[in-house]
N, C-alpha and C. Protein backbone atom coordinates (compact mmCIF):
# COMPACT_ATOMS: atom_id res chain seq x y z
N UNK A 1 13.46 5.95 -1.54
CA UNK A 1 12.57 6.00 -0.38
C UNK A 1 13.40 5.91 0.90
N UNK A 2 13.34 6.95 1.69
CA UNK A 2 14.03 6.93 2.97
C UNK A 2 13.04 6.50 4.04
N UNK A 3 13.21 5.29 4.56
CA UNK A 3 12.29 4.83 5.59
C UNK A 3 13.01 3.92 6.58
N UNK A 4 12.46 3.87 7.76
CA UNK A 4 13.01 3.04 8.83
C UNK A 4 12.59 1.59 8.60
N UNK A 5 12.82 0.73 9.58
CA UNK A 5 12.45 -0.68 9.46
C UNK A 5 10.95 -0.83 9.22
N UNK A 6 10.14 -0.08 9.98
CA UNK A 6 8.71 -0.12 9.74
C UNK A 6 8.09 1.22 10.09
N UNK A 7 6.94 1.48 9.49
CA UNK A 7 6.26 2.75 9.67
C UNK A 7 4.86 2.50 10.22
N UNK A 8 4.35 3.50 10.96
CA UNK A 8 3.09 3.35 11.68
C UNK A 8 2.06 4.35 11.19
N UNK A 9 0.80 3.95 11.20
CA UNK A 9 -0.31 4.85 10.91
C UNK A 9 -1.54 4.43 11.68
N UNK A 10 -2.32 5.41 12.15
CA UNK A 10 -3.57 5.13 12.84
C UNK A 10 -4.71 5.49 11.91
N UNK A 11 -5.68 4.57 11.77
CA UNK A 11 -6.83 4.85 10.92
C UNK A 11 -8.11 4.77 11.73
N UNK A 12 -9.09 5.60 11.36
CA UNK A 12 -10.36 5.59 12.07
C UNK A 12 -11.51 5.65 11.07
N UNK A 13 -12.62 4.97 11.43
CA UNK A 13 -13.83 5.00 10.61
C UNK A 13 -14.98 4.55 11.50
N UNK A 14 -16.07 5.33 11.54
CA UNK A 14 -17.19 5.05 12.44
C UNK A 14 -16.65 4.88 13.87
N UNK A 15 -16.88 3.74 14.52
CA UNK A 15 -16.35 3.54 15.87
C UNK A 15 -15.14 2.63 15.88
N UNK A 16 -14.57 2.35 14.71
CA UNK A 16 -13.44 1.44 14.60
C UNK A 16 -12.12 2.20 14.58
N UNK A 17 -11.11 1.61 15.20
CA UNK A 17 -9.76 2.18 15.20
C UNK A 17 -8.80 1.08 14.77
N UNK A 18 -7.92 1.40 13.82
CA UNK A 18 -6.93 0.43 13.37
C UNK A 18 -5.54 1.00 13.58
N UNK A 19 -4.66 0.20 14.19
CA UNK A 19 -3.25 0.55 14.33
C UNK A 19 -2.49 -0.28 13.30
N UNK A 20 -1.74 0.40 12.43
CA UNK A 20 -1.14 -0.25 11.27
C UNK A 20 0.36 -0.03 11.24
N UNK A 21 1.11 -1.13 11.06
CA UNK A 21 2.56 -1.07 10.86
C UNK A 21 2.87 -1.64 9.49
N UNK A 22 3.66 -0.91 8.68
CA UNK A 22 4.03 -1.42 7.36
C UNK A 22 5.54 -1.49 7.23
N UNK A 23 5.99 -2.46 6.42
CA UNK A 23 7.42 -2.55 6.08
C UNK A 23 7.52 -3.19 4.71
N UNK A 24 8.66 -3.03 4.08
CA UNK A 24 8.88 -3.62 2.76
C UNK A 24 8.81 -5.14 2.89
N UNK A 25 8.16 -5.78 1.92
CA UNK A 25 8.00 -7.23 2.00
C UNK A 25 7.30 -7.79 0.78
N UNK A 26 6.55 -8.87 1.00
CA UNK A 26 5.96 -9.61 -0.11
C UNK A 26 4.46 -9.38 -0.29
N UNK A 27 3.84 -8.56 0.54
CA UNK A 27 2.42 -8.26 0.36
C UNK A 27 1.49 -8.98 1.31
N UNK A 28 2.00 -9.52 2.42
CA UNK A 28 1.12 -10.19 3.38
C UNK A 28 0.44 -9.16 4.28
N UNK A 29 -0.85 -9.37 4.55
CA UNK A 29 -1.61 -8.47 5.42
C UNK A 29 -2.17 -9.30 6.56
N UNK A 30 -1.81 -8.92 7.80
CA UNK A 30 -2.28 -9.62 8.99
C UNK A 30 -3.09 -8.66 9.84
N UNK A 31 -4.32 -9.06 10.18
CA UNK A 31 -5.19 -8.23 11.02
C UNK A 31 -5.56 -9.04 12.26
N UNK A 32 -5.21 -8.55 13.43
CA UNK A 32 -5.48 -9.23 14.70
C UNK A 32 -4.99 -10.68 14.68
N UNK A 33 -3.83 -10.90 14.10
CA UNK A 33 -3.23 -12.23 14.07
C UNK A 33 -3.79 -13.16 13.01
N UNK A 34 -4.72 -12.69 12.19
CA UNK A 34 -5.30 -13.51 11.12
C UNK A 34 -5.00 -12.90 9.76
N UNK A 35 -4.98 -13.73 8.72
CA UNK A 35 -4.77 -13.21 7.37
C UNK A 35 -5.94 -12.32 6.98
N UNK A 36 -5.66 -11.30 6.18
CA UNK A 36 -6.67 -10.32 5.79
C UNK A 36 -7.88 -10.99 5.12
N UNK A 37 -7.63 -11.98 4.23
CA UNK A 37 -8.74 -12.62 3.52
C UNK A 37 -9.64 -13.42 4.46
N UNK A 38 -9.06 -13.93 5.56
CA UNK A 38 -9.87 -14.65 6.54
C UNK A 38 -10.66 -13.67 7.41
N UNK A 39 -10.04 -12.53 7.73
CA UNK A 39 -10.67 -11.55 8.62
C UNK A 39 -11.79 -10.81 7.92
N UNK A 40 -11.52 -10.32 6.69
CA UNK A 40 -12.53 -9.63 5.90
C UNK A 40 -13.06 -10.60 4.85
N UNK A 41 -14.19 -11.23 5.15
CA UNK A 41 -14.72 -12.30 4.30
C UNK A 41 -15.21 -11.78 2.95
N UNK A 42 -15.76 -10.57 2.89
CA UNK A 42 -16.30 -10.06 1.63
C UNK A 42 -15.20 -9.48 0.75
N UNK A 43 -15.30 -9.74 -0.55
CA UNK A 43 -14.29 -9.28 -1.51
C UNK A 43 -14.24 -7.75 -1.56
N UNK A 44 -15.40 -7.10 -1.35
CA UNK A 44 -15.43 -5.63 -1.39
C UNK A 44 -14.59 -5.03 -0.27
N UNK A 45 -14.61 -5.68 0.90
CA UNK A 45 -13.82 -5.18 2.02
C UNK A 45 -12.33 -5.38 1.77
N UNK A 46 -11.96 -6.51 1.19
CA UNK A 46 -10.55 -6.74 0.86
C UNK A 46 -10.07 -5.72 -0.17
N UNK A 47 -10.93 -5.41 -1.14
CA UNK A 47 -10.58 -4.41 -2.16
C UNK A 47 -10.41 -3.04 -1.52
N UNK A 48 -11.27 -2.72 -0.54
CA UNK A 48 -11.19 -1.44 0.18
C UNK A 48 -9.85 -1.32 0.92
N UNK A 49 -9.43 -2.42 1.54
CA UNK A 49 -8.17 -2.42 2.29
C UNK A 49 -6.98 -2.26 1.35
N UNK A 50 -7.05 -2.87 0.16
CA UNK A 50 -5.93 -2.81 -0.79
C UNK A 50 -5.88 -1.53 -1.61
N UNK A 51 -6.96 -0.74 -1.60
CA UNK A 51 -7.05 0.44 -2.46
C UNK A 51 -5.92 1.46 -2.28
N UNK A 52 -5.51 1.82 -1.05
CA UNK A 52 -4.43 2.80 -0.94
C UNK A 52 -3.11 2.32 -1.55
N UNK A 53 -2.83 1.02 -1.42
CA UNK A 53 -1.59 0.48 -1.99
C UNK A 53 -1.67 0.42 -3.50
N UNK A 54 -2.84 0.08 -4.03
CA UNK A 54 -3.02 0.01 -5.47
C UNK A 54 -2.84 1.39 -6.10
N UNK A 55 -3.32 2.41 -5.40
CA UNK A 55 -3.26 3.78 -5.92
C UNK A 55 -1.82 4.29 -6.07
N UNK A 56 -0.89 3.82 -5.24
CA UNK A 56 0.51 4.26 -5.34
C UNK A 56 1.42 3.13 -5.85
N UNK A 57 0.82 2.09 -6.40
CA UNK A 57 1.54 0.99 -7.05
C UNK A 57 2.51 0.27 -6.09
N UNK A 58 2.04 0.00 -4.87
CA UNK A 58 2.85 -0.75 -3.89
C UNK A 58 2.12 -2.03 -3.48
N UNK A 59 1.27 -2.56 -4.37
CA UNK A 59 0.33 -3.59 -3.96
C UNK A 59 0.96 -4.84 -3.34
N UNK A 60 1.95 -5.44 -3.97
CA UNK A 60 2.55 -6.64 -3.39
C UNK A 60 3.98 -6.40 -2.90
N UNK A 61 4.23 -5.17 -2.41
CA UNK A 61 5.58 -4.84 -1.95
C UNK A 61 5.64 -4.42 -0.49
N UNK A 62 4.49 -4.51 0.22
CA UNK A 62 4.47 -4.12 1.63
C UNK A 62 3.89 -5.24 2.48
N UNK A 63 4.52 -5.49 3.62
CA UNK A 63 3.95 -6.39 4.62
C UNK A 63 3.24 -5.52 5.65
N UNK A 64 2.02 -5.88 5.98
CA UNK A 64 1.21 -5.06 6.89
C UNK A 64 0.78 -5.90 8.08
N UNK A 65 1.01 -5.36 9.28
CA UNK A 65 0.53 -5.97 10.51
C UNK A 65 -0.36 -4.92 11.17
N UNK A 66 -1.60 -5.31 11.49
CA UNK A 66 -2.54 -4.33 12.03
C UNK A 66 -3.36 -4.93 13.16
N UNK A 67 -3.80 -4.06 14.07
CA UNK A 67 -4.78 -4.45 15.06
C UNK A 67 -5.98 -3.55 14.86
N UNK A 68 -7.17 -4.14 14.83
CA UNK A 68 -8.40 -3.37 14.64
C UNK A 68 -9.32 -3.66 15.81
N UNK A 69 -9.94 -2.61 16.34
CA UNK A 69 -10.89 -2.81 17.42
C UNK A 69 -12.02 -1.80 17.31
N UNK A 70 -13.16 -2.15 17.89
CA UNK A 70 -14.32 -1.27 17.86
C UNK A 70 -15.08 -1.38 16.56
N UNK A 71 -16.36 -1.03 16.59
CA UNK A 71 -17.17 -1.02 15.39
C UNK A 71 -17.40 -2.39 14.81
N UNK A 72 -17.78 -2.44 13.56
CA UNK A 72 -18.04 -3.70 12.87
C UNK A 72 -16.98 -3.98 11.83
N UNK A 73 -17.18 -5.02 11.05
CA UNK A 73 -16.18 -5.44 10.07
C UNK A 73 -15.98 -4.37 9.00
N UNK A 74 -17.06 -3.77 8.54
CA UNK A 74 -16.96 -2.75 7.49
C UNK A 74 -16.22 -1.51 7.98
N UNK A 75 -16.54 -1.06 9.18
CA UNK A 75 -15.84 0.08 9.76
C UNK A 75 -14.38 -0.20 9.98
N UNK A 76 -14.07 -1.43 10.39
CA UNK A 76 -12.67 -1.80 10.62
C UNK A 76 -11.90 -1.83 9.30
N UNK A 77 -12.55 -2.28 8.22
CA UNK A 77 -11.89 -2.28 6.91
C UNK A 77 -11.57 -0.85 6.48
N UNK A 78 -12.51 0.06 6.68
CA UNK A 78 -12.28 1.47 6.35
C UNK A 78 -11.18 2.08 7.20
N UNK A 79 -11.17 1.74 8.48
CA UNK A 79 -10.13 2.24 9.39
C UNK A 79 -8.76 1.71 8.98
N UNK A 80 -8.72 0.44 8.58
CA UNK A 80 -7.46 -0.16 8.15
C UNK A 80 -6.93 0.52 6.89
N UNK A 81 -7.81 0.80 5.93
CA UNK A 81 -7.40 1.49 4.70
C UNK A 81 -6.86 2.89 5.03
N UNK A 82 -7.52 3.59 5.95
CA UNK A 82 -7.07 4.93 6.37
C UNK A 82 -5.70 4.85 7.03
N UNK A 83 -5.51 3.85 7.91
CA UNK A 83 -4.23 3.68 8.59
C UNK A 83 -3.11 3.32 7.62
N UNK A 84 -3.41 2.48 6.62
CA UNK A 84 -2.40 2.10 5.63
C UNK A 84 -1.95 3.33 4.85
N UNK A 85 -2.90 4.17 4.45
CA UNK A 85 -2.58 5.38 3.70
C UNK A 85 -1.69 6.31 4.53
N UNK A 86 -1.99 6.45 5.81
CA UNK A 86 -1.17 7.31 6.68
C UNK A 86 0.23 6.74 6.88
N UNK A 87 0.33 5.43 7.00
CA UNK A 87 1.63 4.79 7.17
C UNK A 87 2.47 4.91 5.90
N UNK A 88 1.84 4.82 4.74
CA UNK A 88 2.56 4.97 3.47
C UNK A 88 3.17 6.36 3.38
N UNK A 89 2.41 7.37 3.83
CA UNK A 89 2.93 8.75 3.81
C UNK A 89 4.10 8.92 4.77
N UNK A 90 4.03 8.26 5.92
CA UNK A 90 5.16 8.33 6.86
C UNK A 90 6.39 7.69 6.23
N UNK A 91 6.17 6.65 5.43
CA UNK A 91 7.27 5.96 4.77
C UNK A 91 7.84 6.82 3.64
N UNK A 92 6.96 7.41 2.82
CA UNK A 92 7.40 8.20 1.67
C UNK A 92 6.47 9.40 1.47
N UNK A 93 6.85 10.58 1.99
CA UNK A 93 5.97 11.76 1.92
C UNK A 93 5.63 12.22 0.50
N UNK A 94 6.41 11.79 -0.50
CA UNK A 94 6.12 12.21 -1.88
C UNK A 94 4.84 11.56 -2.42
N UNK A 95 4.37 10.50 -1.76
CA UNK A 95 3.15 9.81 -2.22
C UNK A 95 1.88 10.45 -1.67
N UNK A 96 2.02 11.57 -0.96
CA UNK A 96 0.86 12.21 -0.34
C UNK A 96 -0.19 12.65 -1.35
N UNK A 97 0.24 13.32 -2.44
CA UNK A 97 -0.73 13.89 -3.37
C UNK A 97 -1.59 12.85 -4.09
N UNK A 98 -1.03 11.71 -4.59
CA UNK A 98 -1.95 10.74 -5.21
C UNK A 98 -2.93 10.13 -4.20
N UNK A 99 -2.47 9.90 -2.95
CA UNK A 99 -3.37 9.36 -1.92
C UNK A 99 -4.46 10.37 -1.57
N UNK A 100 -4.07 11.65 -1.47
CA UNK A 100 -5.02 12.71 -1.14
C UNK A 100 -6.04 12.85 -2.27
N UNK A 101 -5.57 12.80 -3.52
CA UNK A 101 -6.44 13.01 -4.68
C UNK A 101 -7.54 11.95 -4.75
N UNK A 102 -7.22 10.71 -4.37
CA UNK A 102 -8.21 9.64 -4.41
C UNK A 102 -8.97 9.49 -3.09
N UNK A 103 -8.72 10.40 -2.13
CA UNK A 103 -9.52 10.45 -0.90
C UNK A 103 -9.15 9.44 0.17
N UNK A 104 -7.94 8.86 0.10
CA UNK A 104 -7.56 7.86 1.09
C UNK A 104 -7.10 8.47 2.41
N UNK A 105 -6.81 9.77 2.42
CA UNK A 105 -6.33 10.41 3.65
C UNK A 105 -7.43 11.10 4.43
N UNK A 106 -8.61 11.23 3.82
CA UNK A 106 -9.71 11.91 4.49
C UNK A 106 -10.40 10.95 5.45
N UNK A 107 -10.51 11.36 6.70
CA UNK A 107 -11.18 10.56 7.71
C UNK A 107 -12.68 10.72 7.49
N UNK A 108 -13.39 9.63 7.21
CA UNK A 108 -14.83 9.69 6.98
C UNK A 108 -15.52 10.07 8.29
N UNK A 109 -16.14 11.25 8.37
CA UNK A 109 -16.64 11.74 9.66
C UNK A 109 -18.00 11.17 10.07
N UNK A 110 -18.61 10.34 9.22
CA UNK A 110 -19.97 9.88 9.52
C UNK A 110 -19.95 8.85 10.66
N UNK A 111 -20.65 9.16 11.73
CA UNK A 111 -20.80 8.22 12.84
C UNK A 111 -22.28 8.15 13.19
N UNK A 112 -22.67 7.14 13.92
CA UNK A 112 -24.07 6.95 14.27
C UNK A 112 -24.54 8.10 15.17
N UNK A 113 -25.70 8.64 14.81
CA UNK A 113 -26.28 9.74 15.59
C UNK A 113 -26.90 9.18 16.87
N UNK A 114 -26.82 9.93 17.96
CA UNK A 114 -27.33 9.42 19.22
C UNK A 114 -28.86 9.38 19.23
N UNK A 115 -29.40 8.44 20.02
CA UNK A 115 -30.85 8.32 20.18
C UNK A 115 -31.37 9.49 21.00
N UNK A 116 -32.53 10.04 20.56
CA UNK A 116 -33.14 11.14 21.29
C UNK A 116 -34.33 10.62 22.10
N UNK A 117 -34.63 11.30 23.20
CA UNK A 117 -35.78 10.89 24.01
C UNK A 117 -37.05 11.22 23.23
N UNK A 118 -38.11 10.44 23.48
CA UNK A 118 -39.37 10.64 22.77
C UNK A 118 -39.34 10.11 21.35
N UNK A 119 -38.27 9.42 20.98
CA UNK A 119 -38.12 8.86 19.64
C UNK A 119 -37.69 7.41 19.76
N UNK A 120 -37.95 6.65 18.69
CA UNK A 120 -37.59 5.24 18.69
C UNK A 120 -36.08 5.08 18.45
N UNK A 121 -35.56 5.88 17.50
CA UNK A 121 -34.11 5.92 17.22
C UNK A 121 -33.70 7.38 17.22
N UNK A 122 -32.68 7.74 16.46
CA UNK A 122 -32.23 9.13 16.46
C UNK A 122 -33.31 10.08 15.94
N UNK A 123 -33.97 9.69 14.85
CA UNK A 123 -34.98 10.57 14.25
C UNK A 123 -36.34 9.92 14.09
N UNK A 124 -36.39 8.61 14.04
CA UNK A 124 -37.64 7.89 13.80
C UNK A 124 -38.55 8.03 15.01
N UNK A 125 -39.75 8.54 14.79
CA UNK A 125 -40.73 8.65 15.88
C UNK A 125 -41.41 7.32 16.12
N UNK A 126 -42.18 7.24 17.19
CA UNK A 126 -42.97 6.03 17.43
C UNK A 126 -44.14 6.01 16.46
N UNK A 127 -44.64 4.81 16.16
CA UNK A 127 -45.75 4.69 15.20
C UNK A 127 -46.99 5.37 15.77
N UNK A 128 -47.65 6.16 14.91
CA UNK A 128 -48.82 6.92 15.34
C UNK A 128 -50.04 6.02 15.37
N UNK A 129 -50.80 6.05 16.47
CA UNK A 129 -52.02 5.26 16.61
C UNK A 129 -53.18 6.23 16.65
N UNK A 130 -54.05 6.16 15.68
CA UNK A 130 -55.18 7.09 15.64
C UNK A 130 -56.25 6.70 16.66
N UNK A 131 -56.54 5.39 16.78
CA UNK A 131 -57.54 4.94 17.77
C UNK A 131 -56.98 3.85 18.64
């Protein structure tokens, strides 16, 4: 693996953006100055964050420092996973195909639809009153 001291990747999901730096280490993940398990309270979110590393068998061999902003906790977890996958590719381009095959490099394009006038939300109309 030819890589510098640390590698960078940007991840996005919904309205969340994660800036991710990875380097060889013992497997610690820090998000906004807090440990990953403290930041992402739900086990499903922690599993989502670890998925790109598990897929290329680097689970406890990378130290990750990330900043996440915008959106909610779930969107930030998805953005972090996307950023980790991109940073892994910057570190070792040969790992691109397994990450691509499992969908870790695809930016999830789903975002909240804007509210329309004459409607309660994007598509939901106001409740109909007959009398």
